Amino acid sequence: PWADIWYRHTAGCFLRSYLASASVASLLPCDRAELEALLSVFIIDRGLCELGRELNDLTDAIAIPIKGILDTLRVS
């Protein structure tokens, strides 16, 4: 549970700082729902790429990207 709290806190801090950047503001949708959908698609895409790497390397760490993908799908 503490890892989830830490993850959400640090991700929120990063995202707030990233969105506050003037150079990024013109590249992203202004509508909050569109921005959330775009972020969810990006997170799922990255999770699938990570999952593919873990499967190719035959590691036991496949639970990490699967959890991230499932968590994102639950929120979306």
PDB file of N, CA and C in Angstrom:
ATOM      1  N   PRO A   1       0.801  -1.221   0.000  1.00  0.00           N
ATOM      2  CA  PRO A   1       0.000   0.000   0.000  1.00  0.00           C
ATOM      3  C   PRO A   1       0.837   1.275   0.000  1.00  0.00           C
ATOM      4  N   TRP A   2       1.975   1.253   0.708  1.00  0.00           N
ATOM      5  CA  TRP A   2       2.817   2.445   0.751  1.00  0.00           C
ATOM      6  C   TRP A   2       3.429   2.741  -0.609  1.00  0.00           C
ATOM      7  N   ALA A   3       3.751   1.701  -1.355  1.00  0.00           N
ATOM      8  CA  ALA A   3       4.308   1.911  -2.690  1.00  0.00           C
ATOM      9  C   ALA A   3       3.285   2.593  -3.595  1.00  0.00           C
ATOM     10  N   ASP A   4       2.021   2.221  -3.469  1.00  0.00           N
ATOM     11  CA  ASP A   4       0.975   2.863  -4.265  1.00  0.00           C
ATOM     12  C   ASP A   4       0.822   4.333  -3.893  1.00  0.00           C
ATOM     13  N   ILE A   5       0.865   4.631  -2.599  1.00  0.00           N
ATOM     14  CA  ILE A   5       0.776   6.023  -2.147  1.00  0.00           C
ATOM     15  C   ILE A   5       1.961   6.821  -2.679  1.00  0.00           C
ATOM     16  N   TRP A   6       3.147   6.271  -2.562  1.00  0.00           N
ATOM     17  CA  TRP A   6       4.350   6.949  -3.051  1.00  0.00           C
ATOM     18  C   TRP A   6       4.254   7.168  -4.555  1.00  0.00           C
ATOM     19  N   TYR A   7       3.830   6.130  -5.291  1.00  0.00           N
ATOM     20  CA  TYR A   7       3.719   6.237  -6.746  1.00  0.00           C
ATOM     21  C   TYR A   7       2.740   7.347  -7.135  1.00  0.00           C
ATOM     22  N   ARG A   8       1.568   7.358  -6.523  1.00  0.00           N
ATOM     23  CA  ARG A   8       0.554   8.353  -6.870  1.00  0.00           C
ATOM     24  C   ARG A   8       1.010   9.765  -6.511  1.00  0.00           C
ATOM     25  N   HIS A   9       1.678   9.907  -5.384  1.00  0.00           N
ATOM     26  CA  HIS A   9       2.164  11.225  -4.982  1.00  0.00           C
ATOM     27  C   HIS A   9       3.234  11.741  -5.949  1.00  0.00           C
ATOM     28  N   THR A  10       4.227  10.915  -6.216  1.00  0.00           N
ATOM     29  CA  THR A  10       5.308  11.366  -7.094  1.00  0.00           C
ATOM     30  C   THR A  10       4.809  11.572  -8.528  1.00  0.00           C
ATOM     31  N   ALA A  11       3.921  10.709  -9.001  1.00  0.00           N
ATOM     32  CA  ALA A  11       3.362  10.879 -10.349  1.00  0.00           C
ATOM     33  C   ALA A  11       2.556  12.171 -10.428  1.00  0.00           C
ATOM     34  N   GLY A  12       1.787  12.463  -9.383  1.00  0.00           N
ATOM     35  CA  GLY A  12       1.013  13.704  -9.353  1.00  0.00           C
ATOM     36  C   GLY A  12       1.898  14.938  -9.352  1.00  0.00           C
ATOM     37  N   CYS A  13       2.964  14.910  -8.569  1.00  0.00           N
ATOM     38  CA  CYS A  13       3.907  16.037  -8.548  1.00  0.00           C
ATOM     39  C   CYS A  13       4.547  16.238  -9.912  1.00  0.00           C
ATOM     40  N   PHE A  14       4.976  15.157 -10.524  1.00  0.00           N
ATOM     41  CA  PHE A  14       5.595  15.245 -11.846  1.00  0.00           C
ATOM     42  C   PHE A  14       4.607  15.794 -12.872  1.00  0.00           C
ATOM     43  N   LEU A  15       3.391  15.262 -12.874  1.00  0.00           N
ATOM     44  CA  LEU A  15       2.408  15.677 -13.863  1.00  0.00           C
ATOM     45  C   LEU A  15       2.029  17.149 -13.685  1.00  0.00           C
ATOM     46  N   ARG A  16       1.841  17.600 -12.453  1.00  0.00           N
ATOM     47  CA  ARG A  16       1.531  19.017 -12.215  1.00  0.00           C
ATOM     48  C   ARG A  16       2.651  19.911 -12.727  1.00  0.00           C
ATOM     49  N   SER A  17       3.888  19.544 -12.453  1.00  0.00           N
ATOM     50  CA  SER A  17       5.032  20.344 -12.923  1.00  0.00           C
ATOM     51  C   SER A  17       5.128  20.313 -14.437  1.00  0.00           C
ATOM     52  N   TYR A  18       4.912  19.150 -15.012  1.00  0.00           N
ATOM     53  CA  TYR A  18       4.974  19.001 -16.467  1.00  0.00           C
ATOM     54  C   TYR A  18       3.906  19.846 -17.147  1.00  0.00           C
ATOM     55  N   LEU A  19       2.682  19.803 -16.625  1.00  0.00           N
ATOM     56  CA  LEU A  19       1.594  20.564 -17.226  1.00  0.00           C
ATOM     57  C   LEU A  19       1.756  22.068 -17.024  1.00  0.00           C
ATOM     58  N   ALA A  20       2.468  22.464 -15.992  1.00  0.00           N
ATOM     59  CA  ALA A  20       2.697  23.881 -15.735  1.00  0.00           C
ATOM     60  C   ALA A  20       3.753  24.462 -16.671  1.00  0.00           C
ATOM     61  N   SER A  21       4.508  23.629 -17.325  1.00  0.00           N
ATOM     62  CA  SER A  21       5.552  24.096 -18.225  1.00  0.00           C
ATOM     63  C   SER A  21       4.932  24.800 -19.428  1.00  0.00           C
ATOM     64  N   ALA A  22       5.399  25.997 -19.709  1.00  0.00           N
ATOM     65  CA  ALA A  22       4.857  26.786 -20.819  1.00  0.00           C
ATOM     66  C   ALA A  22       5.126  26.122 -22.166  1.00  0.00           C
ATOM     67  N   SER A  23       6.239  25.421 -22.296  1.00  0.00           N
ATOM     68  CA  SER A  23       6.579  24.806 -23.577  1.00  0.00           C
ATOM     69  C   SER A  23       5.688  23.621 -23.898  1.00  0.00           C
ATOM     70  N   VAL A  24       5.069  23.032 -22.899  1.00  0.00           N
ATOM     71  CA  VAL A  24       4.220  21.863 -23.100  1.00  0.00           C
ATOM     72  C   VAL A  24       2.764  22.276 -23.307  1.00  0.00           C
ATOM     73  N   ALA A  25       2.374  23.385 -22.730  1.00  0.00           N
ATOM     74  CA  ALA A  25       0.971  23.776 -22.698  1.00  0.00           C
ATOM     75  C   ALA A  25       0.331  23.821 -24.084  1.00  0.00           C
ATOM     76  N   SER A  26       1.032  24.270 -25.073  1.00  0.00           N
ATOM     77  CA  SER A  26       0.441  24.401 -26.405  1.00  0.00           C
ATOM     78  C   SER A  26       0.332  23.063 -27.133  1.00  0.00           C
ATOM     79  N   LEU A  27       0.978  22.023 -26.632  1.00  0.00           N
ATOM     80  CA  LEU A  27       0.964  20.724 -27.296  1.00  0.00           C
ATOM     81  C   LEU A  27      -0.156  19.802 -26.812  1.00  0.00           C
ATOM     82  N   LEU A  28      -0.742  20.122 -25.699  1.00  0.00           N
ATOM     83  CA  LEU A  28      -1.718  19.230 -25.077  1.00  0.00           C
ATOM     84  C   LEU A  28      -3.128  19.798 -25.185  1.00  0.00           C
ATOM     85  N   PRO A  29      -4.130  18.916 -25.158  1.00  0.00           N
ATOM     86  CA  PRO A  29      -5.518  19.399 -25.197  1.00  0.00           C
ATOM     87  C   PRO A  29      -5.855  20.210 -23.949  1.00  0.00           C
ATOM     88  N   CYS A  30      -6.702  21.203 -24.121  1.00  0.00           N
ATOM     89  CA  CYS A  30      -7.113  22.045 -22.989  1.00  0.00           C
ATOM     90  C   CYS A  30      -8.196  21.369 -22.152  1.00  0.00           C
ATOM     91  N   ASP A  31      -9.007  20.537 -22.784  1.00  0.00           N
ATOM     92  CA  ASP A  31     -10.092  19.858 -22.091  1.00  0.00           C
ATOM     93  C   ASP A  31      -9.530  18.786 -21.166  1.00  0.00           C
ATOM     94  N   ARG A  32      -9.946  18.812 -19.904  1.00  0.00           N
ATOM     95  CA  ARG A  32      -9.416  17.875 -18.906  1.00  0.00           C
ATOM     96  C   ARG A  32      -9.702  16.417 -19.273  1.00  0.00           C
ATOM     97  N   ALA A  33     -10.901  16.127 -19.764  1.00  0.00           N
ATOM     98  CA  ALA A  33     -11.259  14.747 -20.129  1.00  0.00           C
ATOM     99  C   ALA A  33     -10.372  14.248 -21.269  1.00  0.00           C
ATOM    100  N   GLU A  34     -10.117  15.113 -22.250  1.00  0.00           N
ATOM    101  CA  GLU A  34      -9.242  14.730 -23.361  1.00  0.00           C
ATOM    102  C   GLU A  34      -7.812  14.504 -22.873  1.00  0.00           C
ATOM    103  N   LEU A  35      -7.356  15.347 -21.966  1.00  0.00           N
ATOM    104  CA  LEU A  35      -6.017  15.213 -21.413  1.00  0.00           C
ATOM    105  C   LEU A  35      -5.887  13.915 -20.623  1.00  0.00           C
ATOM    106  N   GLU A  36      -6.893  13.583 -19.814  1.00  0.00           N
ATOM    107  CA  GLU A  36      -6.877  12.339 -19.044  1.00  0.00           C
ATOM    108  C   GLU A  36      -6.889  11.122 -19.967  1.00  0.00           C
ATOM    109  N   ALA A  37      -7.671  11.181 -21.047  1.00  0.00           N
ATOM    110  CA  ALA A  37      -7.717  10.072 -22.006  1.00  0.00           C
ATOM    111  C   ALA A  37      -6.357   9.901 -22.685  1.00  0.00           C
ATOM    112  N   LEU A  38      -5.745  11.006 -23.072  1.00  0.00           N
ATOM    113  CA  LEU A  38      -4.429  10.959 -23.709  1.00  0.00           C
ATOM    114  C   LEU A  38      -3.391  10.370 -22.764  1.00  0.00           C
ATOM    115  N   LEU A  39      -3.411  10.783 -21.517  1.00  0.00           N
ATOM    116  CA  LEU A  39      -2.477  10.262 -20.524  1.00  0.00           C
ATOM    117  C   LEU A  39      -2.701   8.769 -20.289  1.00  0.00           C
ATOM    118  N   SER A  40      -3.955   8.348 -20.209  1.00  0.00           N
ATOM    119  CA  SER A  40      -4.251   6.925 -20.012  1.00  0.00           C
ATOM    120  C   SER A  40      -3.736   6.083 -21.177  1.00  0.00           C
ATOM    121  N   VAL A  41      -3.946   6.568 -22.395  1.00  0.00           N
ATOM    122  CA  VAL A  41      -3.457   5.843 -23.572  1.00  0.00           C
ATOM    123  C   VAL A  41      -1.940   5.732 -23.533  1.00  0.00           C
ATOM    124  N   PHE A  42      -1.266   6.820 -23.165  1.00  0.00           N
ATOM    125  CA  PHE A  42       0.190   6.799 -23.076  1.00  0.00           C
ATOM    126  C   PHE A  42       0.669   5.810 -22.023  1.00  0.00           C
ATOM    127  N   ILE A  43       0.047   5.815 -20.849  1.00  0.00           N
ATOM    128  CA  ILE A  43       0.457   4.915 -19.769  1.00  0.00           C
ATOM    129  C   ILE A  43       0.231   3.452 -20.169  1.00  0.00           C
ATOM    130  N   ILE A  44      -0.894   3.169 -20.797  1.00  0.00           N
ATOM    131  CA  ILE A  44      -1.166   1.800 -21.247  1.00  0.00           C
ATOM    132  C   ILE A  44      -0.164   1.382 -22.314  1.00  0.00           C
ATOM    133  N   ASP A  45       0.140   2.287 -23.247  1.00  0.00           N
ATOM    134  CA  ASP A  45       1.128   1.986 -24.291  1.00  0.00           C
ATOM    135  C   ASP A  45       2.490   1.659 -23.676  1.00  0.00           C
ATOM    136  N   ARG A  46       2.917   2.469 -22.725  1.00  0.00           N
ATOM    137  CA  ARG A  46       4.214   2.228 -22.075  1.00  0.00           C
ATOM    138  C   ARG A  46       4.178   0.914 -21.296  1.00  0.00           C
ATOM    139  N   GLY A  47       3.067   0.638 -20.637  1.00  0.00           N
ATOM    140  CA  GLY A  47       2.934  -0.617 -19.897  1.00  0.00           C
ATOM    141  C   GLY A  47       3.007  -1.830 -20.810  1.00  0.00           C
ATOM    142  N   LEU A  48       2.373  -1.743 -21.976  1.00  0.00           N
ATOM    143  CA  LEU A  48       2.428  -2.852 -22.929  1.00  0.00           C
ATOM    144  C   LEU A  48       3.839  -3.042 -23.481  1.00  0.00           C
ATOM    145  N   CYS A  49       4.539  -1.944 -23.734  1.00  0.00           N
ATOM    146  CA  CYS A  49       5.939  -2.049 -24.189  1.00  0.00           C
ATOM    147  C   CYS A  49       6.800  -2.713 -23.117  1.00  0.00           C
ATOM    148  N   GLU A  50       6.609  -2.295 -21.860  1.00  0.00           N
ATOM    149  CA  GLU A  50       7.364  -2.884 -20.752  1.00  0.00           C
ATOM    150  C   GLU A  50       7.015  -4.363 -20.584  1.00  0.00           C
ATOM    151  N   LEU A  51       5.743  -4.681 -20.716  1.00  0.00           N
ATOM    152  CA  LEU A  51       5.311  -6.072 -20.616  1.00  0.00           C
ATOM    153  C   LEU A  51       5.968  -6.916 -21.707  1.00  0.00           C
ATOM    154  N   GLY A  52       6.025  -6.388 -22.925  1.00  0.00           N
ATOM    155  CA  GLY A  52       6.683  -7.093 -24.021  1.00  0.00           C
ATOM    156  C   GLY A  52       8.148  -7.359 -23.734  1.00  0.00           C
ATOM    157  N   ARG A  53       8.838  -6.365 -23.180  1.00  0.00           N
ATOM    158  CA  ARG A  53      10.256  -6.551 -22.836  1.00  0.00           C
ATOM    159  C   ARG A  53      10.423  -7.621 -21.767  1.00  0.00           C
ATOM    160  N   GLU A  54       9.555  -7.581 -20.756  1.00  0.00           N
ATOM    161  CA  GLU A  54       9.653  -8.576 -19.685  1.00  0.00           C
ATOM    162  C   GLU A  54       9.374  -9.985 -20.218  1.00  0.00           C
ATOM    163  N   LEU A  55       8.409 -10.110 -21.121  1.00  0.00           N
ATOM    164  CA  LEU A  55       8.110 -11.420 -21.698  1.00  0.00           C
ATOM    165  C   LEU A  55       9.257 -11.908 -22.583  1.00  0.00           C
ATOM    166  N   ASN A  56       9.863 -10.990 -23.335  1.00  0.00           N
ATOM    167  CA  ASN A  56      11.011 -11.370 -24.173  1.00  0.00           C
ATOM    168  C   ASN A  56      12.202 -11.817 -23.339  1.00  0.00           C
ATOM    169  N   ASP A  57      12.389 -11.162 -22.199  1.00  0.00           N
ATOM    170  CA  ASP A  57      13.523 -11.498 -21.327  1.00  0.00           C
ATOM    171  C   ASP A  57      13.204 -12.656 -20.392  1.00  0.00           C
ATOM    172  N   LEU A  58      11.970 -13.112 -20.408  1.00  0.00           N
ATOM    173  CA  LEU A  58      11.511 -14.212 -19.547  1.00  0.00           C
ATOM    174  C   LEU A  58      11.823 -13.968 -18.070  1.00  0.00           C
ATOM    175  N   THR A  59      11.531 -12.759 -17.619  1.00  0.00           N
ATOM    176  CA  THR A  59      11.766 -12.435 -16.209  1.00  0.00           C
ATOM    177  C   THR A  59      10.495 -12.669 -15.402  1.00  0.00           C
ATOM    178  N   ASP A  60      10.650 -12.623 -14.104  1.00  0.00           N
ATOM    179  CA  ASP A  60       9.514 -12.782 -13.199  1.00  0.00           C
ATOM    180  C   ASP A  60       8.842 -11.448 -12.896  1.00  0.00           C
ATOM    181  N   ALA A  61       9.298 -10.383 -13.541  1.00  0.00           N
ATOM    182  CA  ALA A  61       8.793  -9.046 -13.232  1.00  0.00           C
ATOM    183  C   ALA A  61       7.581  -8.655 -14.072  1.00  0.00           C
ATOM    184  N   ILE A  62       6.914  -9.609 -14.717  1.00  0.00           N
ATOM    185  CA  ILE A  62       5.778  -9.244 -15.563  1.00  0.00           C
ATOM    186  C   ILE A  62       4.601  -8.710 -14.759  1.00  0.00           C
ATOM    187  N   ALA A  63       4.563  -8.995 -13.472  1.00  0.00           N
ATOM    188  CA  ALA A  63       3.462  -8.505 -12.644  1.00  0.00           C
ATOM    189  C   ALA A  63       3.462  -6.982 -12.546  1.00  0.00           C
ATOM    190  N   ILE A  64       4.619  -6.359 -12.645  1.00  0.00           N
ATOM    191  CA  ILE A  64       4.705  -4.901 -12.502  1.00  0.00           C
ATOM    192  C   ILE A  64       3.985  -4.186 -13.641  1.00  0.00           C
ATOM    193  N   PRO A  65       4.320  -4.457 -14.914  1.00  0.00           N
ATOM    194  CA  PRO A  65       3.573  -3.767 -15.971  1.00  0.00           C
ATOM    195  C   PRO A  65       2.105  -4.193 -16.036  1.00  0.00           C
ATOM    196  N   ILE A  66       1.802  -5.435 -15.701  1.00  0.00           N
ATOM    197  CA  ILE A  66       0.405  -5.872 -15.710  1.00  0.00           C
ATOM    198  C   ILE A  66      -0.397  -5.083 -14.678  1.00  0.00           C
ATOM    199  N   LYS A  67       0.166  -4.890 -13.486  1.00  0.00           N
ATOM    200  CA  LYS A  67      -0.521  -4.104 -12.445  1.00  0.00           C
ATOM    201  C   LYS A  67      -0.750  -2.677 -12.921  1.00  0.00           C
ATOM    202  N   GLY A  68       0.261  -2.066 -13.543  1.00  0.00           N
ATOM    203  CA  GLY A  68       0.119  -0.696 -14.040  1.00  0.00           C
ATOM    204  C   GLY A  68      -0.969  -0.583 -15.099  1.00  0.00           C
ATOM    205  N   ILE A  69      -1.004  -1.536 -16.004  1.00  0.00           N
ATOM    206  CA  ILE A  69      -2.024  -1.526 -17.062  1.00  0.00           C
ATOM    207  C   ILE A  69      -3.410  -1.691 -16.455  1.00  0.00           C
ATOM    208  N   LEU A  70      -3.564  -2.664 -15.570  1.00  0.00           N
ATOM    209  CA  LEU A  70      -4.866  -2.899 -14.946  1.00  0.00           C
ATOM    210  C   LEU A  70      -5.327  -1.711 -14.097  1.00  0.00           C
ATOM    211  N   ASP A  71      -4.407  -1.105 -13.354  1.00  0.00           N
ATOM    212  CA  ASP A  71      -4.754   0.075 -12.555  1.00  0.00           C
ATOM    213  C   ASP A  71      -5.224   1.213 -13.450  1.00  0.00           C
ATOM    214  N   THR A  72      -4.555   1.414 -14.568  1.00  0.00           N
ATOM    215  CA  THR A  72      -4.943   2.479 -15.494  1.00  0.00           C
ATOM    216  C   THR A  72      -6.301   2.191 -16.120  1.00  0.00           C
ATOM    217  N   LEU A  73      -6.556   0.940 -16.463  1.00  0.00           N
ATOM    218  CA  LEU A  73      -7.847   0.589 -17.048  1.00  0.00           C
ATOM    219  C   LEU A  73      -8.987   0.759 -16.033  1.00  0.00           C
ATOM    220  N   ARG A  74      -8.712   0.504 -14.764  1.00  0.00           N
ATOM    221  CA  ARG A  74      -9.745   0.677 -13.726  1.00  0.00           C
ATOM    222  C   ARG A  74     -10.108   2.133 -13.544  1.00  0.00           C
ATOM    223  N   VAL A  75      -9.122   3.016 -13.666  1.00  0.00           N
ATOM    224  CA  VAL A  75      -9.339   4.448 -13.469  1.00  0.00           C
ATOM    225  C   VAL A  75     -10.039   5.046 -14.677  1.00  0.00           C
ATOM    226  N   SER A  76      -9.706   4.564 -15.867  1.00  0.00           N
ATOM    227  CA  SER A  76     -10.230   5.158 -17.104  1.00  0.00           C
ATOM    228  C   SER A  76     -11.707   4.920 -17.275  1.00  0.00           C
TER     229      SER A  76
END
